[in-house]
Amino acid sequence: MKPRDNTIKLSQFLKLMGIVPTGGQAKLLIQGGDVLLNGVVETRRGKRLVRGDQVTVAGQTFEVNLDNSQDQEVVTVFPEQTG
């Protein structure tokens, strides 16, 4: 999956990160209210993510950093916060 215009759909991002194996499972996870985008519940699987967006699933946060010019996706993972 290659990002278009330095964006990627939320469902594609979840598959890319290995959080879910299929688009159907991504849809269920997103529509179930289990995905936060920048700290807010996001229920649109087609929501386009841009550089700097933070996606949180099951207490793990991923920062989106897409760069088409180098054909690579770089993601920063933040450890689960407790307390």
PDB file of N, CA and C in Angstrom:
ATOM      1  N   MET A   1       0.829  -1.178   0.000  1.00  0.00           N
ATOM      2  CA  MET A   1       0.000   0.000   0.000  1.00  0.00           C
ATOM      3  C   MET A   1       0.874   1.242   0.000  1.00  0.00           C
ATOM      4  N   LYS A   2       0.792   1.983  -1.045  1.00  0.00           N
ATOM      5  CA  LYS A   2       1.589   3.200  -1.147  1.00  0.00           C
ATOM      6  C   LYS A   2       0.715   4.398  -0.808  1.00  0.00           C
ATOM      7  N   PRO A   3       1.163   5.252   0.092  1.00  0.00           N
ATOM      8  CA  PRO A   3       0.375   6.431   0.443  1.00  0.00           C
ATOM      9  C   PRO A   3       0.170   7.333  -0.768  1.00  0.00           C
ATOM     10  N   ARG A   4      -0.995   7.960  -0.846  1.00  0.00           N
ATOM     11  CA  ARG A   4      -1.295   8.884  -1.923  1.00  0.00           C
ATOM     12  C   ARG A   4      -1.216  10.300  -1.369  1.00  0.00           C
ATOM     13  N   ASP A   5      -0.438  11.131  -2.027  1.00  0.00           N
ATOM     14  CA  ASP A   5      -0.324  12.528  -1.598  1.00  0.00           C
ATOM     15  C   ASP A   5       0.046  12.648  -0.129  1.00  0.00           C
ATOM     16  N   ASN A   6       0.933  11.775   0.324  1.00  0.00           N
ATOM     17  CA  ASN A   6       1.383  11.779   1.716  1.00  0.00           C
ATOM     18  C   ASN A   6       0.233  11.599   2.693  1.00  0.00           C
ATOM     19  N   THR A   7      -0.783  10.848   2.289  1.00  0.00           N
ATOM     20  CA  THR A   7      -1.867  10.466   3.185  1.00  0.00           C
ATOM     21  C   THR A   7      -2.111   8.969   3.047  1.00  0.00           C
ATOM     22  N   ILE A   8      -2.781   8.404   4.030  1.00  0.00           N
ATOM     23  CA  ILE A   8      -3.158   6.993   3.995  1.00  0.00           C
ATOM     24  C   ILE A   8      -4.463   6.854   4.756  1.00  0.00           C
ATOM     25  N   LYS A   9      -5.329   5.981   4.274  1.00  0.00           N
ATOM     26  CA  LYS A   9      -6.595   5.753   4.968  1.00  0.00           C
ATOM     27  C   LYS A   9      -6.337   5.046   6.292  1.00  0.00           C
ATOM     28  N   LEU A  10      -7.174   5.367   7.269  1.00  0.00           N
ATOM     29  CA  LEU A  10      -7.032   4.776   8.598  1.00  0.00           C
ATOM     30  C   LEU A  10      -7.056   3.252   8.531  1.00  0.00           C
ATOM     31  N   SER A  11      -7.978   2.681   7.780  1.00  0.00           N
ATOM     32  CA  SER A  11      -8.057   1.219   7.695  1.00  0.00           C
ATOM     33  C   SER A  11      -6.785   0.628   7.077  1.00  0.00           C
ATOM     34  N   GLN A  12      -6.229   1.297   6.076  1.00  0.00           N
ATOM     35  CA  GLN A  12      -4.987   0.827   5.459  1.00  0.00           C
ATOM     36  C   GLN A  12      -3.830   0.915   6.442  1.00  0.00           C
ATOM     37  N   PHE A  13      -3.817   1.972   7.227  1.00  0.00           N
ATOM     38  CA  PHE A  13      -2.753   2.158   8.218  1.00  0.00           C
ATOM     39  C   PHE A  13      -2.780   1.028   9.244  1.00  0.00           C
ATOM     40  N   LEU A  14      -3.976   0.667   9.701  1.00  0.00           N
ATOM     41  CA  LEU A  14      -4.093  -0.406  10.689  1.00  0.00           C
ATOM     42  C   LEU A  14      -3.590  -1.724  10.121  1.00  0.00           C
ATOM     43  N   LYS A  15      -3.864  -1.984   8.843  1.00  0.00           N
ATOM     44  CA  LYS A  15      -3.361  -3.199   8.206  1.00  0.00           C
ATOM     45  C   LYS A  15      -1.847  -3.125   8.028  1.00  0.00           C
ATOM     46  N   LEU A  16      -1.355  -1.984   7.590  1.00  0.00           N
ATOM     47  CA  LEU A  16       0.078  -1.789   7.379  1.00  0.00           C
ATOM     48  C   LEU A  16       0.872  -2.032   8.666  1.00  0.00           C
ATOM     49  N   MET A  17       0.320  -1.585   9.787  1.00  0.00           N
ATOM     50  CA  MET A  17       1.004  -1.717  11.067  1.00  0.00           C
ATOM     51  C   MET A  17       0.851  -3.112  11.669  1.00  0.00           C
ATOM     52  N   GLY A  18       0.040  -3.963  11.026  1.00  0.00           N
ATOM     53  CA  GLY A  18      -0.140  -5.317  11.541  1.00  0.00           C
ATOM     54  C   GLY A  18      -1.089  -5.393  12.720  1.00  0.00           C
ATOM     55  N   ILE A  19      -1.845  -4.332  12.945  1.00  0.00           N
ATOM     56  CA  ILE A  19      -2.808  -4.323  14.045  1.00  0.00           C
ATOM     57  C   ILE A  19      -3.974  -5.243  13.709  1.00  0.00           C
ATOM     58  N   VAL A  20      -4.369  -5.261  12.434  1.00  0.00           N
ATOM     59  CA  VAL A  20      -5.417  -6.155  11.937  1.00  0.00           C
ATOM     60  C   VAL A  20      -4.928  -6.782  10.637  1.00  0.00           C
ATOM     61  N   PRO A  21      -5.361  -8.021  10.345  1.00  0.00           N
ATOM     62  CA  PRO A  21      -4.918  -8.666   9.118  1.00  0.00           C
ATOM     63  C   PRO A  21      -5.764  -8.325   7.896  1.00  0.00           C
ATOM     64  N   THR A  22      -7.008  -7.880   8.108  1.00  0.00           N
ATOM     65  CA  THR A  22      -7.892  -7.639   6.968  1.00  0.00           C
ATOM     66  C   THR A  22      -8.623  -6.305   7.108  1.00  0.00           C
ATOM     67  N   GLY A  23      -9.120  -5.829   5.971  1.00  0.00           N
ATOM     68  CA  GLY A  23      -9.905  -4.602   5.976  1.00  0.00           C
ATOM     69  C   GLY A  23     -11.200  -4.751   6.754  1.00  0.00           C
ATOM     70  N   GLY A  24     -11.788  -5.944   6.705  1.00  0.00           N
ATOM     71  CA  GLY A  24     -13.014  -6.195   7.458  1.00  0.00           C
ATOM     72  C   GLY A  24     -12.802  -6.069   8.952  1.00  0.00           C
ATOM     73  N   GLN A  25     -11.683  -6.577   9.426  1.00  0.00           N
ATOM     74  CA  GLN A  25     -11.383  -6.469  10.852  1.00  0.00           C
ATOM     75  C   GLN A  25     -11.055  -5.025  11.228  1.00  0.00           C
ATOM     76  N   ALA A  26     -10.408  -4.301  10.319  1.00  0.00           N
ATOM     77  CA  ALA A  26     -10.138  -2.877  10.563  1.00  0.00           C
ATOM     78  C   ALA A  26     -11.455  -2.126  10.701  1.00  0.00           C
ATOM     79  N   LYS A  27     -12.407  -2.427   9.816  1.00  0.00           N
ATOM     80  CA  LYS A  27     -13.721  -1.780   9.856  1.00  0.00           C
ATOM     81  C   LYS A  27     -14.402  -2.015  11.202  1.00  0.00           C
ATOM     82  N   LEU A  28     -14.398  -3.263  11.674  1.00  0.00           N
ATOM     83  CA  LEU A  28     -15.029  -3.579  12.954  1.00  0.00           C
ATOM     84  C   LEU A  28     -14.355  -2.854  14.111  1.00  0.00           C
ATOM     85  N   LEU A  29     -13.037  -2.811  14.100  1.00  0.00           N
ATOM     86  CA  LEU A  29     -12.277  -2.148  15.158  1.00  0.00           C
ATOM     87  C   LEU A  29     -12.582  -0.656  15.185  1.00  0.00           C
ATOM     88  N   ILE A  30     -12.588  -0.043  14.000  1.00  0.00           N
ATOM     89  CA  ILE A  30     -12.827   1.396  13.893  1.00  0.00           C
ATOM     90  C   ILE A  30     -14.260   1.736  14.270  1.00  0.00           C
ATOM     91  N   GLN A  31     -15.221   1.042  13.664  1.00  0.00           N
ATOM     92  CA  GLN A  31     -16.629   1.349  13.931  1.00  0.00           C
ATOM     93  C   GLN A  31     -17.045   0.982  15.350  1.00  0.00           C
ATOM     94  N   GLY A  32     -16.286   0.102  15.991  1.00  0.00           N
ATOM     95  CA  GLY A  32     -16.555  -0.258  17.381  1.00  0.00           C
ATOM     96  C   GLY A  32     -16.079   0.793  18.377  1.00  0.00           C
ATOM     97  N   GLY A  33     -15.420   1.855  17.885  1.00  0.00           N
ATOM     98  CA  GLY A  33     -14.959   2.923  18.765  1.00  0.00           C
ATOM     99  C   GLY A  33     -13.663   2.608  19.483  1.00  0.00           C
ATOM    100  N   ASP A  34     -12.908   1.632  18.958  1.00  0.00           N
ATOM    101  CA  ASP A  34     -11.676   1.202  19.619  1.00  0.00           C
ATOM    102  C   ASP A  34     -10.422   1.888  19.101  1.00  0.00           C
ATOM    103  N   VAL A  35     -10.580   2.863  18.203  1.00  0.00           N
ATOM    104  CA  VAL A  35      -9.435   3.551  17.619  1.00  0.00           C
ATOM    105  C   VAL A  35      -9.538   5.043  17.921  1.00  0.00           C
ATOM    106  N   LEU A  36      -8.456   5.597  18.453  1.00  0.00           N
ATOM    107  CA  LEU A  36      -8.388   7.034  18.697  1.00  0.00           C
ATOM    108  C   LEU A  36      -7.476   7.670  17.660  1.00  0.00           C
ATOM    109  N   LEU A  37      -7.903   8.799  17.127  1.00  0.00           N
ATOM    110  CA  LEU A  37      -7.073   9.585  16.223  1.00  0.00           C
ATOM    111  C   LEU A  37      -6.826  10.920  16.898  1.00  0.00           C
ATOM    112  N   ASN A  38      -5.588  11.161  17.242  1.00  0.00           N
ATOM    113  CA  ASN A  38      -5.204  12.385  17.952  1.00  0.00           C
ATOM    114  C   ASN A  38      -6.025  12.560  19.231  1.00  0.00           C
ATOM    115  N   GLY A  39      -6.245  11.433  19.928  1.00  0.00           N
ATOM    116  CA  GLY A  39      -6.916  11.464  21.223  1.00  0.00           C
ATOM    117  C   GLY A  39      -8.433  11.455  21.173  1.00  0.00           C
ATOM    118  N   VAL A  40      -9.018  11.388  19.981  1.00  0.00           N
ATOM    119  CA  VAL A  40     -10.470  11.418  19.828  1.00  0.00           C
ATOM    120  C   VAL A  40     -10.913  10.154  19.096  1.00  0.00           C
ATOM    121  N   VAL A  41     -12.019   9.542  19.550  1.00  0.00           N
ATOM    122  CA  VAL A  41     -12.526   8.344  18.885  1.00  0.00           C
ATOM    123  C   VAL A  41     -12.820   8.669  17.427  1.00  0.00           C
ATOM    124  N   GLU A  42     -12.302   7.827  16.527  1.00  0.00           N
ATOM    125  CA  GLU A  42     -12.528   7.996  15.084  1.00  0.00           C
ATOM    126  C   GLU A  42     -13.257   6.767  14.569  1.00  0.00           C
ATOM    127  N   THR A  43     -14.429   6.973  13.951  1.00  0.00           N
ATOM    128  CA  THR A  43     -15.236   5.847  13.469  1.00  0.00           C
ATOM    129  C   THR A  43     -15.315   5.790  11.945  1.00  0.00           C
ATOM    130  N   ARG A  44     -14.553   6.642  11.254  1.00  0.00           N
ATOM    131  CA  ARG A  44     -14.544   6.630   9.783  1.00  0.00           C
ATOM    132  C   ARG A  44     -13.306   5.888   9.298  1.00  0.00           C
ATOM    133  N   ARG A  45     -13.516   4.713   8.691  1.00  0.00           N
ATOM    134  CA  ARG A  45     -12.366   3.924   8.248  1.00  0.00           C
ATOM    135  C   ARG A  45     -11.654   4.569   7.066  1.00  0.00           C
ATOM    136  N   GLY A  46     -12.343   5.418   6.311  1.00  0.00           N
ATOM    137  CA  GLY A  46     -11.743   6.092   5.170  1.00  0.00           C
ATOM    138  C   GLY A  46     -11.063   7.400   5.523  1.00  0.00           C
ATOM    139  N   LYS A  47     -11.034   7.746   6.813  1.00  0.00           N
ATOM    140  CA  LYS A  47     -10.384   8.980   7.259  1.00  0.00           C
ATOM    141  C   LYS A  47      -8.927   8.959   6.817  1.00  0.00           C
ATOM    142  N   ARG A  48      -8.505  10.024   6.147  1.00  0.00           N
ATOM    143  CA  ARG A  48      -7.123  10.106   5.657  1.00  0.00           C
ATOM    144  C   ARG A  48      -6.207  10.641   6.757  1.00  0.00           C
ATOM    145  N   LEU A  49      -5.127   9.926   6.980  1.00  0.00           N
ATOM    146  CA  LEU A  49      -4.137  10.317   7.976  1.00  0.00           C
ATOM    147  C   LEU A  49      -3.017  11.096   7.294  1.00  0.00           C
ATOM    148  N   VAL A  50      -2.475  12.054   8.013  1.00  0.00           N
ATOM    149  CA  VAL A  50      -1.367  12.855   7.508  1.00  0.00           C
ATOM    150  C   VAL A  50      -0.222  12.795   8.509  1.00  0.00           C
ATOM    151  N   ARG A  51       0.912  13.283   8.055  1.00  0.00           N
ATOM    152  CA  ARG A  51       2.106  13.313   8.916  1.00  0.00           C
ATOM    153  C   ARG A  51       1.777  13.960  10.268  1.00  0.00           C
ATOM    154  N   GLY A  52       2.211  13.294  11.333  1.00  0.00           N
ATOM    155  CA  GLY A  52       2.026  13.829  12.677  1.00  0.00           C
ATOM    156  C   GLY A  52       0.772  13.322  13.376  1.00  0.00           C
ATOM    157  N   ASP A  53      -0.170  12.730  12.629  1.00  0.00           N
ATOM    158  CA  ASP A  53      -1.351  12.157  13.271  1.00  0.00           C
ATOM    159  C   ASP A  53      -0.920  11.044  14.210  1.00  0.00           C
ATOM    160  N   GLN A  54      -1.640  10.903  15.317  1.00  0.00           N
ATOM    161  CA  GLN A  54      -1.357   9.838  16.267  1.00  0.00           C
ATOM    162  C   GLN A  54      -2.567   8.921  16.365  1.00  0.00           C
ATOM    163  N   VAL A  55      -2.334   7.642  16.111  1.00  0.00           N
ATOM    164  CA  VAL A  55      -3.378   6.629  16.154  1.00  0.00           C
ATOM    165  C   VAL A  55      -3.124   5.755  17.380  1.00  0.00           C
ATOM    166  N   THR A  56      -4.150   5.614  18.232  1.00  0.00           N
ATOM    167  CA  THR A  56      -4.018   4.811  19.439  1.00  0.00           C
ATOM    168  C   THR A  56      -4.992   3.644  19.381  1.00  0.00           C
ATOM    169  N   VAL A  57      -4.469   2.448  19.575  1.00  0.00           N
ATOM    170  CA  VAL A  57      -5.264   1.225  19.612  1.00  0.00           C
ATOM    171  C   VAL A  57      -4.758   0.385  20.776  1.00  0.00           C
ATOM    172  N   ALA A  58      -5.668  -0.032  21.643  1.00  0.00           N
ATOM    173  CA  ALA A  58      -5.316  -0.904  22.776  1.00  0.00           C
ATOM    174  C   ALA A  58      -4.160  -0.339  23.601  1.00  0.00           C
ATOM    175  N   GLY A  59      -4.167   0.956  23.826  1.00  0.00           N
ATOM    176  CA  GLY A  59      -3.152   1.584  24.664  1.00  0.00           C
ATOM    177  C   GLY A  59      -1.820   1.836  23.985  1.00  0.00           C
ATOM    178  N   GLN A  60      -1.688   1.457  22.715  1.00  0.00           N
ATOM    179  CA  GLN A  60      -0.435   1.690  21.994  1.00  0.00           C
ATOM    180  C   GLN A  60      -0.663   2.790  20.963  1.00  0.00           C
ATOM    181  N   THR A  61       0.231   3.783  20.950  1.00  0.00           N
ATOM    182  CA  THR A  61       0.089   4.930  20.057  1.00  0.00           C
ATOM    183  C   THR A  61       1.153   4.900  18.974  1.00  0.00           C
ATOM    184  N   PHE A  62       0.693   5.139  17.738  1.00  0.00           N
ATOM    185  CA  PHE A  62       1.570   5.165  16.566  1.00  0.00           C
ATOM    186  C   PHE A  62       1.496   6.554  15.955  1.00  0.00           C
ATOM    187  N   GLU A  63       2.649   7.157  15.675  1.00  0.00           N
ATOM    188  CA  GLU A  63       2.670   8.459  15.008  1.00  0.00           C
ATOM    189  C   GLU A  63       2.937   8.250  13.527  1.00  0.00           C
ATOM    190  N   VAL A  64       2.097   8.864  12.701  1.00  0.00           N
ATOM    191  CA  VAL A  64       2.191   8.699  11.255  1.00  0.00           C
ATOM    192  C   VAL A  64       3.241   9.653  10.694  1.00  0.00           C
ATOM    193  N   ASN A  65       4.118   9.107   9.849  1.00  0.00           N
ATOM    194  CA  ASN A  65       5.123   9.923   9.173  1.00  0.00           C
ATOM    195  C   ASN A  65       5.327   9.326   7.791  1.00  0.00           C
ATOM    196  N   LEU A  66       4.532   9.770   6.825  1.00  0.00           N
ATOM    197  CA  LEU A  66       4.590   9.228   5.474  1.00  0.00           C
ATOM    198  C   LEU A  66       5.416  10.137   4.584  1.00  0.00           C
ATOM    199  N   ASP A  67       6.220   9.525   3.726  1.00  0.00           N
ATOM    200  CA  ASP A  67       7.061  10.310   2.824  1.00  0.00           C
ATOM    201  C   ASP A  67       7.092   9.631   1.467  1.00  0.00           C
ATOM    202  N   ASN A  68       6.285  10.119   0.521  1.00  0.00           N
ATOM    203  CA  ASN A  68       6.222   9.527  -0.817  1.00  0.00           C
ATOM    204  C   ASN A  68       7.543   9.622  -1.569  1.00  0.00           C
ATOM    205  N   SER A  69       8.314  10.664  -1.332  1.00  0.00           N
ATOM    206  CA  SER A  69       9.525  10.863  -2.113  1.00  0.00           C
ATOM    207  C   SER A  69      10.534   9.747  -1.895  1.00  0.00           C
ATOM    208  N   GLN A  70      10.464   9.084  -0.739  1.00  0.00           N
ATOM    209  CA  GLN A  70      11.402   8.005  -0.456  1.00  0.00           C
ATOM    210  C   GLN A  70      10.719   6.641  -0.477  1.00  0.00           C
ATOM    211  N   ASP A  71       9.415   6.617  -0.849  1.00  0.00           N
ATOM    212  CA  ASP A  71       8.658   5.362  -0.903  1.00  0.00           C
ATOM    213  C   ASP A  71       8.815   4.538   0.367  1.00  0.00           C
ATOM    214  N   GLN A  72       8.684   5.184   1.502  1.00  0.00           N
ATOM    215  CA  GLN A  72       8.774   4.448   2.755  1.00  0.00           C
ATOM    216  C   GLN A  72       7.790   5.028   3.758  1.00  0.00           C
ATOM    217  N   GLU A  73       7.412   4.211   4.689  1.00  0.00           N
ATOM    218  CA  GLU A  73       6.569   4.665   5.775  1.00  0.00           C
ATOM    219  C   GLU A  73       7.390   4.578   7.054  1.00  0.00           C
ATOM    220  N   VAL A  74       7.414   5.644   7.803  1.00  0.00           N
ATOM    221  CA  VAL A  74       8.127   5.658   9.062  1.00  0.00           C
ATOM    222  C   VAL A  74       7.106   5.911  10.153  1.00  0.00           C
ATOM    223  N   VAL A  75       7.122   5.074  11.158  1.00  0.00           N
ATOM    224  CA  VAL A  75       6.148   5.187  12.225  1.00  0.00           C
ATOM    225  C   VAL A  75       6.875   5.186  13.551  1.00  0.00           C
ATOM    226  N   THR A  76       6.526   6.106  14.404  1.00  0.00           N
ATOM    227  CA  THR A  76       7.061   6.155  15.753  1.00  0.00           C
ATOM    228  C   THR A  76       6.045   5.515  16.673  1.00  0.00           C
ATOM    229  N   VAL A  77       6.468   4.559  17.468  1.00  0.00           N
ATOM    230  CA  VAL A  77       5.571   3.891  18.412  1.00  0.00           C
ATOM    231  C   VAL A  77       5.894   4.388  19.812  1.00  0.00           C
ATOM    232  N   PHE A  78       4.860   4.841  20.494  1.00  0.00           N
ATOM    233  CA  PHE A  78       5.027   5.320  21.858  1.00  0.00           C
ATOM    234  C   PHE A  78       4.635   4.204  22.805  1.00  0.00           C
ATOM    235  N   PRO A  79       5.397   3.976  23.866  1.00  0.00           N
ATOM    236  CA  PRO A  79       5.043   2.907  24.793  1.00  0.00           C
ATOM    237  C   PRO A  79       3.715   3.202  25.500  1.00  0.00           C
ATOM    238  N   GLU A  80       3.076   2.138  25.916  1.00  0.00           N
ATOM    239  CA  GLU A  80       1.809   2.274  26.631  1.00  0.00           C
ATOM    240  C   GLU A  80       2.053   3.032  27.924  1.00  0.00           C
ATOM    241  N   GLN A  81       1.178   3.989  28.183  1.00  0.00           N
ATOM    242  CA  GLN A  81       1.325   4.785  29.401  1.00  0.00           C
ATOM    243  C   GLN A  81       0.451   4.194  30.488  1.00  0.00           C
ATOM    244  N   THR A  82       1.008   4.093  31.684  1.00  0.00           N
ATOM    245  CA  THR A  82       0.250   3.560  32.816  1.00  0.00           C
ATOM    246  C   THR A  82       0.069   4.637  33.853  1.00  0.00           C
ATOM    247  N   GLY A  83      -0.947   4.442  34.660  1.00  0.00           N
ATOM    248  CA  GLY A  83      -1.144   5.363  35.773  1.00  0.00           C
ATOM    249  C   GLY A  83      -2.164   6.306  35.488  1.00  0.00           C
TER     250      GLY A  83
END
